[in-house]
């Protein structure tokens, strides 16, 4: 038996459970790219509107050993169920073993070794071109992000930024027909949050950088994925990076003062001819 990959989790079991639960909320069968310096998981949502990238750098683990890049596929529900029996202060080891030419994924917990059957998942790695400069960058404290997107009232969120007026608004556009004139339509905003640049008194939990005008609409359900109570820490921030006519990048760093391990979600904008 040969150990191809091994990582030891000591004080990060709570975080690992949260990440796995987050992955299960998006997909069941996923592909792991086990690199020399960490693990990368990409999940492309079925309608190709959202791409989620999870990166766990080797520094995230107590010990990490991988001499050669490996790609494996596994059922995340199986992994989640095995970890349910683990206490938060338990030490856990993940291993990729090869025995008689067959690879298997192992979890060593409480002196017991559990095995998960591997599967082949057809998935191409997507390279997202990240802009060098974003039109809008917003850093939101997790509590404020939950307040905004935890129970968003509609299936769309409109992000509008105006450099001349130095404001950014997040709103839920909703078209209502006028009964007096059915041909005439009026835009009604059922909820709206407005931030004025450099208004430190009102923007206590928000920091904003506005470089260019933006007006785009996104599906709100992908924003609420980050509002899972098991995922967000009260100490952490969510970063919204927006560029006109490009997918929005929602970034969540898994370690407070490091940027090596993170969850990135790229969400495509909705095409709306009514936006001027």
Foldseek 3Di string as FASTA:
>chain_A
DDWQWKFKAAQCLLQVLLVLVLVVVQDFKWKWWQAQFWIWTWDQHPVNQKIKIWTDGCVNTPHIGHDHIDMWMFGSVVVSVVSVPPDNRWMKMWTWDADPNDTWIWIQGPNDIDTTDIDDDDDDDDDDDDDPAFQKKKKFQLVVLCVPQVCPPDFKWKWWQDPVQQKIKIFDWDKDADPVDRVDIDIDTPDMDMDHAPPCVVPVRMHMDGHHTEIFMFGSVVSNSCNPPSNDDSLWIWMWTHHHQFWIWIKTASDHPDRRTIMIMTGGTDDDPPPD
